[in-house]
Amino acid sequence: MSLEDLALLEVLQRIDQHVVLTDNDNAMRQRMIDGALIEEGEYGLSLTAAGIELCKSLQHRLAADQQAAKITQQREDDAAGQQGTQVPQSHEEGVTAID
């Protein structure tokens, strides 16, 4: 998942939890308002239906990426473990003389 998507997910989650955004979030905030992902109401910012769906989608992607990374790491660990336990064969084994 890209850093931009992670940043977007973080801001969407903060808005959903009614955490005050910082000045650094102003550009992202305006883009999300323009994209109809959030709206300003009398109680502050809130997610629109599109914002909720995007937040869910990003959460699923993050979870899938984390699961894929875990599986990849496990396979690499298993492969490294198997290589470490193999007994090296000598060059003489399996070699037949040709007369």
PDB file of N, CA and C in Angstrom:
ATOM      1  N   MET A   1       0.845  -1.159   0.000  1.00  0.00           N
ATOM      2  CA  MET A   1       0.000   0.000   0.000  1.00  0.00           C
ATOM      3  C   MET A   1       0.901   1.237   0.000  1.00  0.00           C
ATOM      4  N   SER A   2       0.543   2.209  -0.769  1.00  0.00           N
ATOM      5  CA  SER A   2       1.378   3.406  -0.893  1.00  0.00           C
ATOM      6  C   SER A   2       1.295   4.264   0.370  1.00  0.00           C
ATOM      7  N   LEU A   3       2.290   5.101   0.550  1.00  0.00           N
ATOM      8  CA  LEU A   3       2.303   6.006   1.702  1.00  0.00           C
ATOM      9  C   LEU A   3       1.136   6.992   1.654  1.00  0.00           C
ATOM     10  N   GLU A   4       0.781   7.405   0.448  1.00  0.00           N
ATOM     11  CA  GLU A   4      -0.346   8.336   0.300  1.00  0.00           C
ATOM     12  C   GLU A   4      -1.648   7.684   0.758  1.00  0.00           C
ATOM     13  N   ASP A   5      -1.841   6.410   0.391  1.00  0.00           N
ATOM     14  CA  ASP A   5      -3.039   5.689   0.824  1.00  0.00           C
ATOM     15  C   ASP A   5      -3.053   5.510   2.338  1.00  0.00           C
ATOM     16  N   LEU A   6      -1.891   5.224   2.908  1.00  0.00           N
ATOM     17  CA  LEU A   6      -1.807   5.088   4.363  1.00  0.00           C
ATOM     18  C   LEU A   6      -2.134   6.407   5.060  1.00  0.00           C
ATOM     19  N   ALA A   7      -1.628   7.500   4.508  1.00  0.00           N
ATOM     20  CA  ALA A   7      -1.916   8.822   5.078  1.00  0.00           C
ATOM     21  C   ALA A   7      -3.403   9.138   4.963  1.00  0.00           C
ATOM     22  N   LEU A   8      -3.991   8.804   3.826  1.00  0.00           N
ATOM     23  CA  LEU A   8      -5.420   9.032   3.631  1.00  0.00           C
ATOM     24  C   LEU A   8      -6.236   8.225   4.639  1.00  0.00           C
ATOM     25  N   LEU A   9      -5.874   6.957   4.811  1.00  0.00           N
ATOM     26  CA  LEU A   9      -6.573   6.114   5.775  1.00  0.00           C
ATOM     27  C   LEU A   9      -6.462   6.691   7.181  1.00  0.00           C
ATOM     28  N   GLU A  10      -5.277   7.154   7.540  1.00  0.00           N
ATOM     29  CA  GLU A  10      -5.080   7.722   8.870  1.00  0.00           C
ATOM     30  C   GLU A  10      -5.975   8.944   9.090  1.00  0.00           C
ATOM     31  N   VAL A  11      -6.038   9.821   8.107  1.00  0.00           N
ATOM     32  CA  VAL A  11      -6.858  11.025   8.250  1.00  0.00           C
ATOM     33  C   VAL A  11      -8.342  10.659   8.290  1.00  0.00           C
ATOM     34  N   LEU A  12      -8.761   9.728   7.450  1.00  0.00           N
ATOM     35  CA  LEU A  12     -10.164   9.293   7.472  1.00  0.00           C
ATOM     36  C   LEU A  12     -10.533   8.717   8.842  1.00  0.00           C
ATOM     37  N   GLN A  13      -9.635   7.918   9.406  1.00  0.00           N
ATOM     38  CA  GLN A  13      -9.902   7.333  10.718  1.00  0.00           C
ATOM     39  C   GLN A  13      -9.949   8.402  11.802  1.00  0.00           C
ATOM     40  N   ARG A  14      -9.069   9.392  11.717  1.00  0.00           N
ATOM     41  CA  ARG A  14      -9.080  10.474  12.708  1.00  0.00           C
ATOM     42  C   ARG A  14     -10.372  11.283  12.615  1.00  0.00           C
ATOM     43  N   ILE A  15     -10.835  11.520  11.396  1.00  0.00           N
ATOM     44  CA  ILE A  15     -12.098  12.245  11.225  1.00  0.00           C
ATOM     45  C   ILE A  15     -13.245  11.414  11.801  1.00  0.00           C
ATOM     46  N   ASP A  16     -13.239  10.129  11.521  1.00  0.00           N
ATOM     47  CA  ASP A  16     -14.294   9.250  12.032  1.00  0.00           C
ATOM     48  C   ASP A  16     -14.301   9.217  13.562  1.00  0.00           C
ATOM     49  N   GLN A  17     -13.134   9.334  14.172  1.00  0.00           N
ATOM     50  CA  GLN A  17     -13.011   9.320  15.634  1.00  0.00           C
ATOM     51  C   GLN A  17     -13.121  10.725  16.228  1.00  0.00           C
ATOM     52  N   HIS A  18     -13.402  11.705  15.375  1.00  0.00           N
ATOM     53  CA  HIS A  18     -13.571  13.110  15.784  1.00  0.00           C
ATOM     54  C   HIS A  18     -12.329  13.679  16.453  1.00  0.00           C
ATOM     55  N   VAL A  19     -11.165  13.260  15.944  1.00  0.00           N
ATOM     56  CA  VAL A  19      -9.897  13.815  16.408  1.00  0.00           C
ATOM     57  C   VAL A  19      -9.629  15.070  15.577  1.00  0.00           C
ATOM     58  N   VAL A  20      -9.221  16.133  16.240  1.00  0.00           N
ATOM     59  CA  VAL A  20      -8.969  17.400  15.556  1.00  0.00           C
ATOM     60  C   VAL A  20      -7.777  17.230  14.610  1.00  0.00           C
ATOM     61  N   LEU A  21      -7.958  17.682  13.367  1.00  0.00           N
ATOM     62  CA  LEU A  21      -6.877  17.611  12.388  1.00  0.00           C
ATOM     63  C   LEU A  21      -5.883  18.734  12.641  1.00  0.00           C
ATOM     64  N   THR A  22      -4.660  18.496  12.235  1.00  0.00           N
ATOM     65  CA  THR A  22      -3.603  19.493  12.402  1.00  0.00           C
ATOM     66  C   THR A  22      -3.534  20.383  11.164  1.00  0.00           C
ATOM     67  N   ASP A  23      -2.739  21.431  11.249  1.00  0.00           N
ATOM     68  CA  ASP A  23      -2.546  22.316  10.103  1.00  0.00           C
ATOM     69  C   ASP A  23      -1.930  21.568   8.924  1.00  0.00           C
ATOM     70  N   ASN A  24      -1.131  20.556   9.217  1.00  0.00           N
ATOM     71  CA  ASN A  24      -0.509  19.763   8.145  1.00  0.00           C
ATOM     72  C   ASN A  24      -1.536  18.975   7.347  1.00  0.00           C
ATOM     73  N   ASP A  25      -2.720  18.783   7.896  1.00  0.00           N
ATOM     74  CA  ASP A  25      -3.762  17.999   7.235  1.00  0.00           C
ATOM     75  C   ASP A  25      -4.679  18.849   6.353  1.00  0.00           C
ATOM     76  N   ASN A  26      -4.462  20.155   6.311  1.00  0.00           N
ATOM     77  CA  ASN A  26      -5.387  21.035   5.598  1.00  0.00           C
ATOM     78  C   ASN A  26      -5.515  20.706   4.113  1.00  0.00           C
ATOM     79  N   ALA A  27      -4.408  20.434   3.450  1.00  0.00           N
ATOM     80  CA  ALA A  27      -4.473  20.127   2.010  1.00  0.00           C
ATOM     81  C   ALA A  27      -5.260  18.840   1.777  1.00  0.00           C
ATOM     82  N   MET A  28      -4.977  17.813   2.577  1.00  0.00           N
ATOM     83  CA  MET A  28      -5.695  16.541   2.444  1.00  0.00           C
ATOM     84  C   MET A  28      -7.170  16.743   2.776  1.00  0.00           C
ATOM     85  N   ARG A  29      -7.444  17.526   3.811  1.00  0.00           N
ATOM     86  CA  ARG A  29      -8.819  17.801   4.222  1.00  0.00           C
ATOM     87  C   ARG A  29      -9.603  18.435   3.075  1.00  0.00           C
ATOM     88  N   GLN A  30      -9.001  19.420   2.412  1.00  0.00           N
ATOM     89  CA  GLN A  30      -9.691  20.090   1.307  1.00  0.00           C
ATOM     90  C   GLN A  30      -9.908  19.135   0.136  1.00  0.00           C
ATOM     91  N   ARG A  31      -8.938  18.296  -0.143  1.00  0.00           N
ATOM     92  CA  ARG A  31      -9.095  17.306  -1.228  1.00  0.00           C
ATOM     93  C   ARG A  31     -10.224  16.329  -0.914  1.00  0.00           C
ATOM     94  N   MET A  32     -10.352  15.946   0.346  1.00  0.00           N
ATOM     95  CA  MET A  32     -11.412  15.007   0.724  1.00  0.00           C
ATOM     96  C   MET A  32     -12.783  15.670   0.673  1.00  0.00           C
ATOM     97  N   ILE A  33     -12.849  16.954   1.016  1.00  0.00           N
ATOM     98  CA  ILE A  33     -14.117  17.686   0.890  1.00  0.00           C
ATOM     99  C   ILE A  33     -14.484  17.795  -0.585  1.00  0.00           C
ATOM    100  N   ASP A  34     -13.504  18.175  -1.420  1.00  0.00           N
ATOM    101  CA  ASP A  34     -13.754  18.302  -2.865  1.00  0.00           C
ATOM    102  C   ASP A  34     -14.151  16.956  -3.480  1.00  0.00           C
ATOM    103  N   GLY A  35     -13.609  15.870  -2.948  1.00  0.00           N
ATOM    104  CA  GLY A  35     -13.923  14.541  -3.460  1.00  0.00           C
ATOM    105  C   GLY A  35     -15.143  13.908  -2.818  1.00  0.00           C
ATOM    106  N   ALA A  36     -15.851  14.654  -1.992  1.00  0.00           N
ATOM    107  CA  ALA A  36     -17.079  14.202  -1.325  1.00  0.00           C
ATOM    108  C   ALA A  36     -16.839  13.000  -0.417  1.00  0.00           C
ATOM    109  N   LEU A  37     -15.630  12.932   0.178  1.00  0.00           N
ATOM    110  CA  LEU A  37     -15.338  11.867   1.131  1.00  0.00           C
ATOM    111  C   LEU A  37     -15.687  12.280   2.555  1.00  0.00           C
ATOM    112  N   ILE A  38     -15.630  13.589   2.806  1.00  0.00           N
ATOM    113  CA  ILE A  38     -16.002  14.127   4.112  1.00  0.00           C
ATOM    114  C   ILE A  38     -16.850  15.369   3.893  1.00  0.00           C
ATOM    115  N   GLU A  39     -17.564  15.750   4.935  1.00  0.00           N
ATOM    116  CA  GLU A  39     -18.368  16.967   4.870  1.00  0.00           C
ATOM    117  C   GLU A  39     -18.276  17.689   6.207  1.00  0.00           C
ATOM    118  N   GLU A  40     -18.452  18.991   6.127  1.00  0.00           N
ATOM    119  CA  GLU A  40     -18.442  19.801   7.342  1.00  0.00           C
ATOM    120  C   GLU A  40     -19.881  20.008   7.784  1.00  0.00           C
ATOM    121  N   GLY A  41     -20.128  19.698   9.036  1.00  0.00           N
ATOM    122  CA  GLY A  41     -21.457  19.888   9.600  1.00  0.00           C
ATOM    123  C   GLY A  41     -21.367  20.743  10.838  1.00  0.00           C
ATOM    124  N   GLU A  42     -22.479  20.863  11.518  1.00  0.00           N
ATOM    125  CA  GLU A  42     -22.484  21.689  12.723  1.00  0.00           C
ATOM    126  C   GLU A  42     -21.644  21.093  13.842  1.00  0.00           C
ATOM    127  N   TYR A  43     -21.352  19.789  13.772  1.00  0.00           N
ATOM    128  CA  TYR A  43     -20.532  19.128  14.798  1.00  0.00           C
ATOM    129  C   TYR A  43     -19.111  18.862  14.312  1.00  0.00           C
ATOM    130  N   GLY A  44     -18.713  19.487  13.235  1.00  0.00           N
ATOM    131  CA  GLY A  44     -17.366  19.304  12.700  1.00  0.00           C
ATOM    132  C   GLY A  44     -17.381  18.421  11.467  1.00  0.00           C
ATOM    133  N   LEU A  45     -16.247  17.827  11.190  1.00  0.00           N
ATOM    134  CA  LEU A  45     -16.106  16.983  10.007  1.00  0.00           C
ATOM    135  C   LEU A  45     -16.701  15.598  10.258  1.00  0.00           C
ATOM    136  N   SER A  46     -17.280  15.032   9.206  1.00  0.00           N
ATOM    137  CA  SER A  46     -17.769  13.659   9.285  1.00  0.00           C
ATOM    138  C   SER A  46     -17.582  12.992   7.927  1.00  0.00           C
ATOM    139  N   LEU A  47     -17.498  11.680   7.949  1.00  0.00           N
ATOM    140  CA  LEU A  47     -17.337  10.920   6.713  1.00  0.00           C
ATOM    141  C   LEU A  47     -18.666  10.842   5.976  1.00  0.00           C
ATOM    142  N   THR A  48     -18.601  10.934   4.662  1.00  0.00           N
ATOM    143  CA  THR A  48     -19.779  10.682   3.847  1.00  0.00           C
ATOM    144  C   THR A  48     -19.839   9.175   3.595  1.00  0.00           C
ATOM    145  N   ALA A  49     -20.874   8.729   2.916  1.00  0.00           N
ATOM    146  CA  ALA A  49     -20.983   7.301   2.576  1.00  0.00           C
ATOM    147  C   ALA A  49     -19.776   6.865   1.743  1.00  0.00           C
ATOM    148  N   ALA A  50     -19.354   7.719   0.816  1.00  0.00           N
ATOM    149  CA  ALA A  50     -18.177   7.405  -0.007  1.00  0.00           C
ATOM    150  C   ALA A  50     -16.918   7.332   0.847  1.00  0.00           C
ATOM    151  N   GLY A  51     -16.801   8.220   1.828  1.00  0.00           N
ATOM    152  CA  GLY A  51     -15.651   8.217   2.723  1.00  0.00           C
ATOM    153  C   GLY A  51     -15.610   6.964   3.581  1.00  0.00           C
ATOM    154  N   ILE A  52     -16.779   6.524   4.032  1.00  0.00           N
ATOM    155  CA  ILE A  52     -16.855   5.299   4.826  1.00  0.00           C
ATOM    156  C   ILE A  52     -16.426   4.105   3.979  1.00  0.00           C
ATOM    157  N   GLU A  53     -16.920   4.031   2.761  1.00  0.00           N
ATOM    158  CA  GLU A  53     -16.573   2.916   1.880  1.00  0.00           C
ATOM    159  C   GLU A  53     -15.083   2.915   1.546  1.00  0.00           C
ATOM    160  N   LEU A  54     -14.519   4.092   1.290  1.00  0.00           N
ATOM    161  CA  LEU A  54     -13.090   4.181   0.997  1.00  0.00           C
ATOM    162  C   LEU A  54     -12.275   3.761   2.218  1.00  0.00           C
ATOM    163  N   CYS A  55     -12.696   4.184   3.382  1.00  0.00           N
ATOM    164  CA  CYS A  55     -12.002   3.823   4.614  1.00  0.00           C
ATOM    165  C   CYS A  55     -12.022   2.302   4.789  1.00  0.00           C
ATOM    166  N   LYS A  56     -13.155   1.672   4.583  1.00  0.00           N
ATOM    167  CA  LYS A  56     -13.267   0.216   4.686  1.00  0.00           C
ATOM    168  C   LYS A  56     -12.370  -0.465   3.664  1.00  0.00           C
ATOM    169  N   SER A  57     -12.395   0.047   2.436  1.00  0.00           N
ATOM    170  CA  SER A  57     -11.578  -0.525   1.365  1.00  0.00           C
ATOM    171  C   SER A  57     -10.090  -0.442   1.704  1.00  0.00           C
ATOM    172  N   LEU A  58      -9.653   0.708   2.185  1.00  0.00           N
ATOM    173  CA  LEU A  58      -8.245   0.886   2.548  1.00  0.00           C
ATOM    174  C   LEU A  58      -7.865  -0.013   3.720  1.00  0.00           C
ATOM    175  N   GLN A  59      -8.776  -0.177   4.674  1.00  0.00           N
ATOM    176  CA  GLN A  59      -8.504  -1.067   5.804  1.00  0.00           C
ATOM    177  C   GLN A  59      -8.354  -2.518   5.329  1.00  0.00           C
ATOM    178  N   HIS A  60      -9.203  -2.927   4.391  1.00  0.00           N
ATOM    179  CA  HIS A  60      -9.109  -4.285   3.843  1.00  0.00           C
ATOM    180  C   HIS A  60      -7.804  -4.472   3.075  1.00  0.00           C
ATOM    181  N   ARG A  61      -7.416  -3.461   2.302  1.00  0.00           N
ATOM    182  CA  ARG A  61      -6.158  -3.542   1.558  1.00  0.00           C
ATOM    183  C   ARG A  61      -4.966  -3.623   2.494  1.00  0.00           C
ATOM    184  N   LEU A  62      -4.990  -2.826   3.552  1.00  0.00           N
ATOM    185  CA  LEU A  62      -3.907  -2.852   4.522  1.00  0.00           C
ATOM    186  C   LEU A  62      -3.818  -4.221   5.192  1.00  0.00           C
ATOM    187  N   ALA A  63      -4.959  -4.768   5.587  1.00  0.00           N
ATOM    188  CA  ALA A  63      -4.972  -6.086   6.221  1.00  0.00           C
ATOM    189  C   ALA A  63      -4.475  -7.156   5.248  1.00  0.00           C
ATOM    190  N   ALA A  64      -4.888  -7.066   3.987  1.00  0.00           N
ATOM    191  CA  ALA A  64      -4.443  -8.040   2.979  1.00  0.00           C
ATOM    192  C   ALA A  64      -2.938  -7.914   2.736  1.00  0.00           C
ATOM    193  N   ASP A  65      -2.445  -6.690   2.668  1.00  0.00           N
ATOM    194  CA  ASP A  65      -1.004  -6.476   2.485  1.00  0.00           C
ATOM    195  C   ASP A  65      -0.215  -7.023   3.666  1.00  0.00           C
ATOM    196  N   GLN A  66      -0.715  -6.817   4.870  1.00  0.00           N
ATOM    197  CA  GLN A  66      -0.040  -7.328   6.058  1.00  0.00           C
ATOM    198  C   GLN A  66      -0.048  -8.854   6.079  1.00  0.00           C
ATOM    199  N   GLN A  67      -1.171  -9.455   5.683  1.00  0.00           N
ATOM    200  CA  GLN A  67      -1.264 -10.910   5.645  1.00  0.00           C
ATOM    201  C   GLN A  67      -0.324 -11.470   4.581  1.00  0.00           C
ATOM    202  N   ALA A  68      -0.269 -10.838   3.427  1.00  0.00           N
ATOM    203  CA  ALA A  68       0.631 -11.291   2.361  1.00  0.00           C
ATOM    204  C   ALA A  68       2.084 -11.183   2.800  1.00  0.00           C
ATOM    205  N   ALA A  69       2.423 -10.105   3.481  1.00  0.00           N
ATOM    206  CA  ALA A  69       3.795  -9.940   3.971  1.00  0.00           C
ATOM    207  C   ALA A  69       4.132 -11.008   5.002  1.00  0.00           C
ATOM    208  N   LYS A  70       3.166 -11.340   5.845  1.00  0.00           N
ATOM    209  CA  LYS A  70       3.383 -12.367   6.866  1.00  0.00           C
ATOM    210  C   LYS A  70       3.607 -13.742   6.202  1.00  0.00           C
ATOM    211  N   ILE A  71       2.811 -14.052   5.198  1.00  0.00           N
ATOM    212  CA  ILE A  71       2.949 -15.330   4.489  1.00  0.00           C
ATOM    213  C   ILE A  71       4.283 -15.393   3.755  1.00  0.00           C
ATOM    214  N   THR A  72       4.662 -14.308   3.106  1.00  0.00           N
ATOM    215  CA  THR A  72       5.943 -14.248   2.401  1.00  0.00           C
ATOM    216  C   THR A  72       7.091 -14.446   3.369  1.00  0.00           C
ATOM    217  N   GLN A  73       7.035 -13.765   4.510  1.00  0.00           N
ATOM    218  CA  GLN A  73       8.089 -13.898   5.521  1.00  0.00           C
ATOM    219  C   GLN A  73       8.156 -15.324   6.048  1.00  0.00           C
ATOM    220  N   GLN A  74       7.001 -15.923   6.269  1.00  0.00           N
ATOM    221  CA  GLN A  74       6.962 -17.295   6.775  1.00  0.00           C
ATOM    222  C   GLN A  74       7.576 -18.256   5.759  1.00  0.00           C
ATOM    223  N   ARG A  75       7.268 -18.060   4.481  1.00  0.00           N
ATOM    224  CA  ARG A  75       7.841 -18.912   3.434  1.00  0.00           C
ATOM    225  C   ARG A  75       9.349 -18.731   3.345  1.00  0.00           C
ATOM    226  N   GLU A  76       9.803 -17.492   3.463  1.00  0.00           N
ATOM    227  CA  GLU A  76      11.249 -17.239   3.435  1.00  0.00           C
ATOM    228  C   GLU A  76      11.936 -17.876   4.632  1.00  0.00           C
ATOM    229  N   ASP A  77      11.304 -17.773   5.794  1.00  0.00           N
ATOM    230  CA  ASP A  77      11.867 -18.395   7.000  1.00  0.00           C
ATOM    231  C   ASP A  77      11.909 -19.917   6.854  1.00  0.00           C
ATOM    232  N   ASP A  78      10.835 -20.501   6.304  1.00  0.00           N
ATOM    233  CA  ASP A  78      10.794 -21.951   6.093  1.00  0.00           C
ATOM    234  C   ASP A  78      11.871 -22.385   5.108  1.00  0.00           C
ATOM    235  N   ALA A  79      12.037 -21.624   4.027  1.00  0.00           N
ATOM    236  CA  ALA A  79      13.053 -21.964   3.021  1.00  0.00           C
ATOM    237  C   ALA A  79      14.452 -21.846   3.618  1.00  0.00           C
ATOM    238  N   ALA A  80      14.685 -20.820   4.417  1.00  0.00           N
ATOM    239  CA  ALA A  80      15.993 -20.640   5.046  1.00  0.00           C
ATOM    240  C   ALA A  80      16.253 -21.765   6.040  1.00  0.00           C
ATOM    241  N   GLY A  81      15.221 -22.189   6.757  1.00  0.00           N
ATOM    242  CA  GLY A  81      15.363 -23.283   7.706  1.00  0.00           C
ATOM    243  C   GLY A  81      15.660 -24.598   7.020  1.00  0.00           C
ATOM    244  N   GLN A  82      15.038 -24.820   5.882  1.00  0.00           N
ATOM    245  CA  GLN A  82      15.275 -26.051   5.129  1.00  0.00           C
ATOM    246  C   GLN A  82      16.672 -26.068   4.543  1.00  0.00           C
ATOM    247  N   GLN A  83      17.150 -24.943   4.088  1.00  0.00           N
ATOM    248  CA  GLN A  83      18.500 -24.878   3.524  1.00  0.00           C
ATOM    249  C   GLN A  83      19.540 -25.106   4.610  1.00  0.00           C
ATOM    250  N   GLY A  84      19.265 -24.644   5.791  1.00  0.00           N
ATOM    251  CA  GLY A  84      20.208 -24.800   6.892  1.00  0.00           C
ATOM    252  C   GLY A  84      20.289 -26.219   7.419  1.00  0.00           C
ATOM    253  N   THR A  85      19.260 -27.040   7.161  1.00  0.00           N
ATOM    254  CA  THR A  85      19.249 -28.405   7.685  1.00  0.00           C
ATOM    255  C   THR A  85      19.636 -29.438   6.641  1.00  0.00           C
ATOM    256  N   GLN A  86      19.831 -29.029   5.408  1.00  0.00           N
ATOM    257  CA  GLN A  86      20.213 -29.987   4.370  1.00  0.00           C
ATOM    258  C   GLN A  86      21.673 -30.382   4.544  1.00  0.00           C
ATOM    259  N   VAL A  87      21.936 -31.667   4.340  1.00  0.00           N
ATOM    260  CA  VAL A  87      23.301 -32.175   4.423  1.00  0.00           C
ATOM    261  C   VAL A  87      23.920 -32.053   3.045  1.00  0.00           C
ATOM    262  N   PRO A  88      25.053 -31.379   2.931  1.00  0.00           N
ATOM    263  CA  PRO A  88      25.666 -31.231   1.613  1.00  0.00           C
ATOM    264  C   PRO A  88      26.152 -32.574   1.094  1.00  0.00           C
ATOM    265  N   GLN A  89      25.949 -32.795  -0.195  1.00  0.00           N
ATOM    266  CA  GLN A  89      26.392 -34.032  -0.827  1.00  0.00           C
ATOM    267  C   GLN A  89      27.830 -33.865  -1.299  1.00  0.00           C
ATOM    268  N   SER A  90      28.584 -34.949  -1.176  1.00  0.00           N
ATOM    269  CA  SER A  90      29.947 -34.891  -1.698  1.00  0.00           C
ATOM    270  C   SER A  90      29.896 -35.058  -3.207  1.00  0.00           C
ATOM    271  N   HIS A  91      30.954 -34.680  -3.858  1.00  0.00           N
ATOM    272  CA  HIS A  91      30.999 -34.764  -5.308  1.00  0.00           C
ATOM    273  C   HIS A  91      31.078 -36.208  -5.784  1.00  0.00           C
ATOM    274  N   GLU A  92      31.476 -37.122  -4.887  1.00  0.00           N
ATOM    275  CA  GLU A  92      31.644 -38.506  -5.292  1.00  0.00           C
ATOM    276  C   GLU A  92      30.326 -39.258  -5.298  1.00  0.00           C
ATOM    277  N   GLU A  93      29.347 -38.813  -4.535  1.00  0.00           N
ATOM    278  CA  GLU A  93      28.071 -39.506  -4.496  1.00  0.00           C
ATOM    279  C   GLU A  93      27.362 -39.357  -5.831  1.00  0.00           C
ATOM    280  N   GLY A  94      26.846 -40.440  -6.321  1.00  0.00           N
ATOM    281  CA  GLY A  94      26.057 -40.405  -7.536  1.00  0.00           C
ATOM    282  C   GLY A  94      26.874 -40.272  -8.802  1.00  0.00           C
ATOM    283  N   VAL A  95      28.198 -40.242  -8.714  1.00  0.00           N
ATOM    284  CA  VAL A  95      29.038 -40.126  -9.899  1.00  0.00           C
ATOM    285  C   VAL A  95      29.462 -41.529 -10.312  1.00  0.00           C
ATOM    286  N   THR A  96      29.237 -41.835 -11.541  1.00  0.00           N
ATOM    287  CA  THR A  96      29.657 -43.149 -12.041  1.00  0.00           C
ATOM    288  C   THR A  96      30.797 -42.973 -13.027  1.00  0.00           C
ATOM    289  N   ALA A  97      31.673 -43.920 -13.003  1.00  0.00           N
ATOM    290  CA  ALA A  97      32.821 -43.863 -13.933  1.00  0.00           C
ATOM    291  C   ALA A  97      32.388 -44.376 -15.281  1.00  0.00           C
ATOM    292  N   ILE A  98      32.823 -43.722 -16.301  1.00  0.00           N
ATOM    293  CA  ILE A  98      32.540 -44.157 -17.665  1.00  0.00           C
ATOM    294  C   ILE A  98      33.827 -44.747 -18.234  1.00  0.00           C
ATOM    295  N   ASP A  99      33.751 -46.033 -18.607  1.00  0.00           N
ATOM    296  CA  ASP A  99      34.933 -46.695 -19.188  1.00  0.00           C
ATOM    297  C   ASP A  99      34.921 -46.656 -20.657  1.00  0.00           C
TER     298      ASP A  99
END
